[in-house]
Amino acid sequence: MKAFVSKVSAFAREEEGVALTEYLILLGLLVGGVVGVVITAGNNMEAAWTTWGTFWNQTKYVAPTP
């Protein structure tokens, strides 16, 4: 366990390790934002499609006779 902690500490002290950590945090925020937008848009789209489908199912259309 000490070896693992020392490797993580050494990685955190290196400049490349810090940069990688920053990029991973940004990637996590970006992924979280995209997931949130997709969930919100999906719920709104579901409601819109349901309303539209209900309208078309309640409307009585008669085909014109030739």
PDB file of N, CA and C in Angstrom:
ATOM      1  N   MET A   1       0.823  -1.187   0.000  1.00  0.00           N
ATOM      2  CA  MET A   1       0.000   0.000   0.000  1.00  0.00           C
ATOM      3  C   MET A   1       0.869   1.254   0.000  1.00  0.00           C
ATOM      4  N   LYS A   2       2.000   1.215   0.726  1.00  0.00           N
ATOM      5  CA  LYS A   2       2.898   2.368   0.753  1.00  0.00           C
ATOM      6  C   LYS A   2       3.480   2.649  -0.625  1.00  0.00           C
ATOM      7  N   ALA A   3       3.770   1.576  -1.352  1.00  0.00           N
ATOM      8  CA  ALA A   3       4.326   1.750  -2.688  1.00  0.00           C
ATOM      9  C   ALA A   3       3.323   2.451  -3.602  1.00  0.00           C
ATOM     10  N   PHE A   4       2.067   2.074  -3.482  1.00  0.00           N
ATOM     11  CA  PHE A   4       1.019   2.696  -4.291  1.00  0.00           C
ATOM     12  C   PHE A   4       0.881   4.176  -3.952  1.00  0.00           C
ATOM     13  N   VAL A   5       0.860   4.488  -2.674  1.00  0.00           N
ATOM     14  CA  VAL A   5       0.724   5.877  -2.239  1.00  0.00           C
ATOM     15  C   VAL A   5       1.923   6.697  -2.693  1.00  0.00           C
ATOM     16  N   SER A   6       3.100   6.136  -2.635  1.00  0.00           N
ATOM     17  CA  SER A   6       4.288   6.881  -3.061  1.00  0.00           C
ATOM     18  C   SER A   6       4.271   7.112  -4.573  1.00  0.00           C
ATOM     19  N   LYS A   7       3.796   6.132  -5.331  1.00  0.00           N
ATOM     20  CA  LYS A   7       3.699   6.323  -6.790  1.00  0.00           C
ATOM     21  C   LYS A   7       2.666   7.380  -7.138  1.00  0.00           C
ATOM     22  N   VAL A   8       1.542   7.376  -6.444  1.00  0.00           N
ATOM     23  CA  VAL A   8       0.509   8.387  -6.697  1.00  0.00           C
ATOM     24  C   VAL A   8       1.026   9.769  -6.313  1.00  0.00           C
ATOM     25  N   SER A   9       1.731   9.855  -5.212  1.00  0.00           N
ATOM     26  CA  SER A   9       2.295  11.144  -4.781  1.00  0.00           C
ATOM     27  C   SER A   9       3.324  11.651  -5.787  1.00  0.00           C
ATOM     28  N   ALA A  10       4.172  10.764  -6.282  1.00  0.00           N
ATOM     29  CA  ALA A  10       5.179  11.157  -7.274  1.00  0.00           C
ATOM     30  C   ALA A  10       4.499  11.602  -8.563  1.00  0.00           C
ATOM     31  N   PHE A  11       3.440  10.903  -8.953  1.00  0.00           N
ATOM     32  CA  PHE A  11       2.699  11.262 -10.170  1.00  0.00           C
ATOM     33  C   PHE A  11       2.066  12.643 -10.020  1.00  0.00           C
ATOM     34  N   ALA A  12       1.531  12.935  -8.833  1.00  0.00           N
ATOM     35  CA  ALA A  12       0.874  14.219  -8.590  1.00  0.00           C
ATOM     36  C   ALA A  12       1.877  15.368  -8.575  1.00  0.00           C
ATOM     37  N   ARG A  13       3.101  15.104  -8.187  1.00  0.00           N
ATOM     38  CA  ARG A  13       4.125  16.162  -8.151  1.00  0.00           C
ATOM     39  C   ARG A  13       4.647  16.490  -9.544  1.00  0.00           C
ATOM     40  N   GLU A  14       4.613  15.537 -10.451  1.00  0.00           N
ATOM     41  CA  GLU A  14       5.122  15.784 -11.801  1.00  0.00           C
ATOM     42  C   GLU A  14       4.172  16.713 -12.551  1.00  0.00           C
ATOM     43  N   GLU A  15       4.739  17.511 -13.421  1.00  0.00           N
ATOM     44  CA  GLU A  15       3.934  18.464 -14.178  1.00  0.00           C
ATOM     45  C   GLU A  15       2.976  17.754 -15.130  1.00  0.00           C
ATOM     46  N   GLU A  16       3.418  16.668 -15.746  1.00  0.00           N
ATOM     47  CA  GLU A  16       2.550  15.924 -16.658  1.00  0.00           C
ATOM     48  C   GLU A  16       1.386  15.296 -15.906  1.00  0.00           C
ATOM     49  N   GLY A  17       1.652  14.857 -14.682  1.00  0.00           N
ATOM     50  CA  GLY A  17       0.585  14.274 -13.872  1.00  0.00           C
ATOM     51  C   GLY A  17      -0.481  15.294 -13.519  1.00  0.00           C
ATOM     52  N   VAL A  18      -0.050  16.502 -13.206  1.00  0.00           N
ATOM     53  CA  VAL A  18      -0.996  17.566 -12.885  1.00  0.00           C
ATOM     54  C   VAL A  18      -1.820  17.927 -14.115  1.00  0.00           C
ATOM     55  N   ALA A  19      -1.177  18.034 -15.257  1.00  0.00           N
ATOM     56  CA  ALA A  19      -1.891  18.359 -16.497  1.00  0.00           C
ATOM     57  C   ALA A  19      -2.899  17.264 -16.835  1.00  0.00           C
ATOM     58  N   LEU A  20      -2.501  16.013 -16.687  1.00  0.00           N
ATOM     59  CA  LEU A  20      -3.413  14.908 -16.963  1.00  0.00           C
ATOM     60  C   LEU A  20      -4.607  14.947 -16.021  1.00  0.00           C
ATOM     61  N   THR A  21      -4.352  15.253 -14.770  1.00  0.00           N
ATOM     62  CA  THR A  21      -5.442  15.341 -13.795  1.00  0.00           C
ATOM     63  C   THR A  21      -6.414  16.449 -14.172  1.00  0.00           C
ATOM     64  N   GLU A  22      -5.900  17.585 -14.590  1.00  0.00           N
ATOM     65  CA  GLU A  22      -6.763  18.689 -15.010  1.00  0.00           C
ATOM     66  C   GLU A  22      -7.611  18.287 -16.206  1.00  0.00           C
ATOM     67  N   TYR A  23      -6.997  17.631 -17.184  1.00  0.00           N
ATOM     68  CA  TYR A  23      -7.753  17.194 -18.356  1.00  0.00           C
ATOM     69  C   TYR A  23      -8.813  16.160 -17.988  1.00  0.00           C
ATOM     70  N   LEU A  24      -8.513  15.283 -17.056  1.00  0.00           N
ATOM     71  CA  LEU A  24      -9.505  14.288 -16.632  1.00  0.00           C
ATOM     72  C   LEU A  24     -10.672  14.939 -15.907  1.00  0.00           C
ATOM     73  N   ILE A  25     -10.386  15.969 -15.109  1.00  0.00           N
ATOM     74  CA  ILE A  25     -11.473  16.689 -14.443  1.00  0.00           C
ATOM     75  C   ILE A  25     -12.347  17.389 -15.474  1.00  0.00           C
ATOM     76  N   LEU A  26     -11.721  18.051 -16.453  1.00  0.00           N
ATOM     77  CA  LEU A  26     -12.498  18.708 -17.513  1.00  0.00           C
ATOM     78  C   LEU A  26     -13.321  17.705 -18.312  1.00  0.00           C
ATOM     79  N   LEU A  27     -12.734  16.548 -18.597  1.00  0.00           N
ATOM     80  CA  LEU A  27     -13.459  15.516 -19.334  1.00  0.00           C
ATOM     81  C   LEU A  27     -14.660  15.028 -18.531  1.00  0.00           C
ATOM     82  N   GLY A  28     -14.486  14.843 -17.230  1.00  0.00           N
ATOM     83  CA  GLY A  28     -15.595  14.421 -16.375  1.00  0.00           C
ATOM     84  C   GLY A  28     -16.712  15.446 -16.349  1.00  0.00           C
ATOM     85  N   LEU A  29     -16.358  16.733 -16.260  1.00  0.00           N
ATOM     86  CA  LEU A  29     -17.375  17.786 -16.292  1.00  0.00           C
ATOM     87  C   LEU A  29     -18.100  17.829 -17.630  1.00  0.00           C
ATOM     88  N   LEU A  30     -17.349  17.663 -18.698  1.00  0.00           N
ATOM     89  CA  LEU A  30     -17.948  17.667 -20.031  1.00  0.00           C
ATOM     90  C   LEU A  30     -18.907  16.496 -20.209  1.00  0.00           C
ATOM     91  N   VAL A  31     -18.487  15.318 -19.807  1.00  0.00           N
ATOM     92  CA  VAL A  31     -19.347  14.139 -19.930  1.00  0.00           C
ATOM     93  C   VAL A  31     -20.598  14.307 -19.070  1.00  0.00           C
ATOM     94  N   GLY A  32     -20.435  14.813 -17.858  1.00  0.00           N
ATOM     95  CA  GLY A  32     -21.591  15.055 -16.996  1.00  0.00           C
ATOM     96  C   GLY A  32     -22.565  16.049 -17.608  1.00  0.00           C
ATOM     97  N   GLY A  33     -22.043  17.095 -18.220  1.00  0.00           N
ATOM     98  CA  GLY A  33     -22.899  18.080 -18.881  1.00  0.00           C
ATOM     99  C   GLY A  33     -23.646  17.500 -20.062  1.00  0.00           C
ATOM    100  N   VAL A  34     -22.962  16.707 -20.860  1.00  0.00           N
ATOM    101  CA  VAL A  34     -23.601  16.088 -22.026  1.00  0.00           C
ATOM    102  C   VAL A  34     -24.703  15.130 -21.577  1.00  0.00           C
ATOM    103  N   VAL A  35     -24.422  14.333 -20.563  1.00  0.00           N
ATOM    104  CA  VAL A  35     -25.438  13.405 -20.051  1.00  0.00           C
ATOM    105  C   VAL A  35     -26.650  14.175 -19.537  1.00  0.00           C
ATOM    106  N   GLY A  36     -26.420  15.261 -18.821  1.00  0.00           N
ATOM    107  CA  GLY A  36     -27.522  16.077 -18.321  1.00  0.00           C
ATOM    108  C   GLY A  36     -28.370  16.665 -19.442  1.00  0.00           C
ATOM    109  N   VAL A  37     -27.723  17.163 -20.474  1.00  0.00           N
ATOM    110  CA  VAL A  37     -28.448  17.746 -21.607  1.00  0.00           C
ATOM    111  C   VAL A  37     -29.241  16.678 -22.339  1.00  0.00           C
ATOM    112  N   VAL A  38     -28.655  15.513 -22.548  1.00  0.00           N
ATOM    113  CA  VAL A  38     -29.359  14.439 -23.257  1.00  0.00           C
ATOM    114  C   VAL A  38     -30.575  13.971 -22.460  1.00  0.00           C
ATOM    115  N   ILE A  39     -30.436  13.851 -21.150  1.00  0.00           N
ATOM    116  CA  ILE A  39     -31.575  13.431 -20.321  1.00  0.00           C
ATOM    117  C   ILE A  39     -32.683  14.479 -20.371  1.00  0.00           C
ATOM    118  N   THR A  40     -32.313  15.756 -20.232  1.00  0.00           N
ATOM    119  CA  THR A  40     -33.310  16.830 -20.256  1.00  0.00           C
ATOM    120  C   THR A  40     -33.990  16.919 -21.618  1.00  0.00           C
ATOM    121  N   ALA A  41     -33.198  16.892 -22.672  1.00  0.00           N
ATOM    122  CA  ALA A  41     -33.768  16.976 -24.019  1.00  0.00           C
ATOM    123  C   ALA A  41     -34.615  15.746 -24.313  1.00  0.00           C
ATOM    124  N   GLY A  42     -34.205  14.599 -23.829  1.00  0.00           N
ATOM    125  CA  GLY A  42     -34.981  13.378 -24.051  1.00  0.00           C
ATOM    126  C   GLY A  42     -36.340  13.454 -23.397  1.00  0.00           C
ATOM    127  N   ASN A  43     -36.398  13.961 -22.171  1.00  0.00           N
ATOM    128  CA  ASN A  43     -37.688  14.101 -21.495  1.00  0.00           C
ATOM    129  C   ASN A  43     -38.580  15.095 -22.223  1.00  0.00           C
ATOM    130  N   ASN A  44     -38.008  16.215 -22.664  1.00  0.00           N
ATOM    131  CA  ASN A  44     -38.795  17.217 -23.388  1.00  0.00           C
ATOM    132  C   ASN A  44     -39.272  16.674 -24.724  1.00  0.00           C
ATOM    133  N   MET A  45     -38.420  15.933 -25.416  1.00  0.00           N
ATOM    134  CA  MET A  45     -38.817  15.363 -26.707  1.00  0.00           C
ATOM    135  C   MET A  45     -39.904  14.312 -26.533  1.00  0.00           C
ATOM    136  N   GLU A  46     -39.812  13.535 -25.470  1.00  0.00           N
ATOM    137  CA  GLU A  46     -40.837  12.526 -25.210  1.00  0.00           C
ATOM    138  C   GLU A  46     -42.197  13.193 -25.015  1.00  0.00           C
ATOM    139  N   ALA A  47     -42.218  14.283 -24.262  1.00  0.00           N
ATOM    140  CA  ALA A  47     -43.466  15.004 -24.029  1.00  0.00           C
ATOM    141  C   ALA A  47     -44.003  15.592 -25.338  1.00  0.00           C
ATOM    142  N   ALA A  48     -43.129  16.136 -26.160  1.00  0.00           N
ATOM    143  CA  ALA A  48     -43.558  16.724 -27.433  1.00  0.00           C
ATOM    144  C   ALA A  48     -44.120  15.653 -28.368  1.00  0.00           C
ATOM    145  N   TRP A  49     -43.450  14.523 -28.468  1.00  0.00           N
ATOM    146  CA  TRP A  49     -43.925  13.445 -29.341  1.00  0.00           C
ATOM    147  C   TRP A  49     -45.257  12.882 -28.842  1.00  0.00           C
ATOM    148  N   THR A  50     -45.421  12.780 -27.537  1.00  0.00           N
ATOM    149  CA  THR A  50     -46.680  12.275 -26.985  1.00  0.00           C
ATOM    150  C   THR A  50     -47.819  13.226 -27.321  1.00  0.00           C
ATOM    151  N   THR A  51     -47.581  14.517 -27.152  1.00  0.00           N
ATOM    152  CA  THR A  51     -48.612  15.510 -27.476  1.00  0.00           C
ATOM    153  C   THR A  51     -48.956  15.479 -28.955  1.00  0.00           C
ATOM    154  N   TRP A  52     -47.960  15.404 -29.783  1.00  0.00           N
ATOM    155  CA  TRP A  52     -48.176  15.394 -31.230  1.00  0.00           C
ATOM    156  C   TRP A  52     -48.907  14.125 -31.660  1.00  0.00           C
ATOM    157  N   GLY A  53     -48.490  12.995 -31.093  1.00  0.00           N
ATOM    158  CA  GLY A  53     -49.147  11.731 -31.434  1.00  0.00           C
ATOM    159  C   GLY A  53     -50.592  11.697 -30.978  1.00  0.00           C
ATOM    160  N   THR A  54     -50.881  12.268 -29.815  1.00  0.00           N
ATOM    161  CA  THR A  54     -52.260  12.320 -29.319  1.00  0.00           C
ATOM    162  C   THR A  54     -53.119  13.178 -30.242  1.00  0.00           C
ATOM    163  N   PHE A  55     -52.568  14.286 -30.703  1.00  0.00           N
ATOM    164  CA  PHE A  55     -53.320  15.149 -31.624  1.00  0.00           C
ATOM    165  C   PHE A  55     -53.705  14.384 -32.888  1.00  0.00           C
ATOM    166  N   TRP A  56     -52.753  13.683 -33.475  1.00  0.00           N
ATOM    167  CA  TRP A  56     -53.025  12.996 -34.727  1.00  0.00           C
ATOM    168  C   TRP A  56     -53.958  11.804 -34.524  1.00  0.00           C
ATOM    169  N   ASN A  57     -53.916  11.175 -33.375  1.00  0.00           N
ATOM    170  CA  ASN A  57     -54.816  10.048 -33.121  1.00  0.00           C
ATOM    171  C   ASN A  57     -56.239  10.506 -32.847  1.00  0.00           C
ATOM    172  N   GLN A  58     -56.432  11.709 -32.320  1.00  0.00           N
ATOM    173  CA  GLN A  58     -57.772  12.203 -32.019  1.00  0.00           C
ATOM    174  C   GLN A  58     -58.433  12.852 -33.224  1.00  0.00           C
ATOM    175  N   THR A  59     -57.665  13.234 -34.209  1.00  0.00           N
ATOM    176  CA  THR A  59     -58.209  13.903 -35.379  1.00  0.00           C
ATOM    177  C   THR A  59     -58.770  12.853 -36.332  1.00  0.00           C
ATOM    178  N   LYS A  60     -59.997  13.073 -36.772  1.00  0.00           N
ATOM    179  CA  LYS A  60     -60.641  12.131 -37.702  1.00  0.00           C
ATOM    180  C   LYS A  60     -60.467  12.659 -39.128  1.00  0.00           C
ATOM    181  N   TYR A  61     -59.773  11.887 -39.905  1.00  0.00           N
ATOM    182  CA  TYR A  61     -59.550  12.256 -41.296  1.00  0.00           C
ATOM    183  C   TYR A  61     -60.288  11.265 -42.180  1.00  0.00           C
ATOM    184  N   VAL A  62     -60.942  11.806 -43.189  1.00  0.00           N
ATOM    185  CA  VAL A  62     -61.658  10.972 -44.147  1.00  0.00           C
ATOM    186  C   VAL A  62     -60.998  11.184 -45.498  1.00  0.00           C
ATOM    187  N   ALA A  63     -60.683  10.080 -46.145  1.00  0.00           N
ATOM    188  CA  ALA A  63     -60.065  10.182 -47.462  1.00  0.00           C
ATOM    189  C   ALA A  63     -61.097  10.687 -48.463  1.00  0.00           C
ATOM    190  N   PRO A  64     -60.687  11.569 -49.349  1.00  0.00           N
ATOM    191  CA  PRO A  64     -61.634  12.084 -50.354  1.00  0.00           C
ATOM    192  C   PRO A  64     -62.041  10.975 -51.327  1.00  0.00           C
ATOM    193  N   THR A  65     -63.281  11.021 -51.751  1.00  0.00           N
ATOM    194  CA  THR A  65     -63.749  10.032 -52.718  1.00  0.00           C
ATOM    195  C   THR A  65     -63.499  10.556 -54.113  1.00  0.00           C
ATOM    196  N   PRO A  66     -63.122   9.682 -55.011  1.00  0.00           N
ATOM    197  CA  PRO A  66     -62.829  10.142 -56.389  1.00  0.00           C
ATOM    198  C   PRO A  66     -64.060  10.469 -57.184  1.00  0.00           C
TER     199      PRO A  66
END
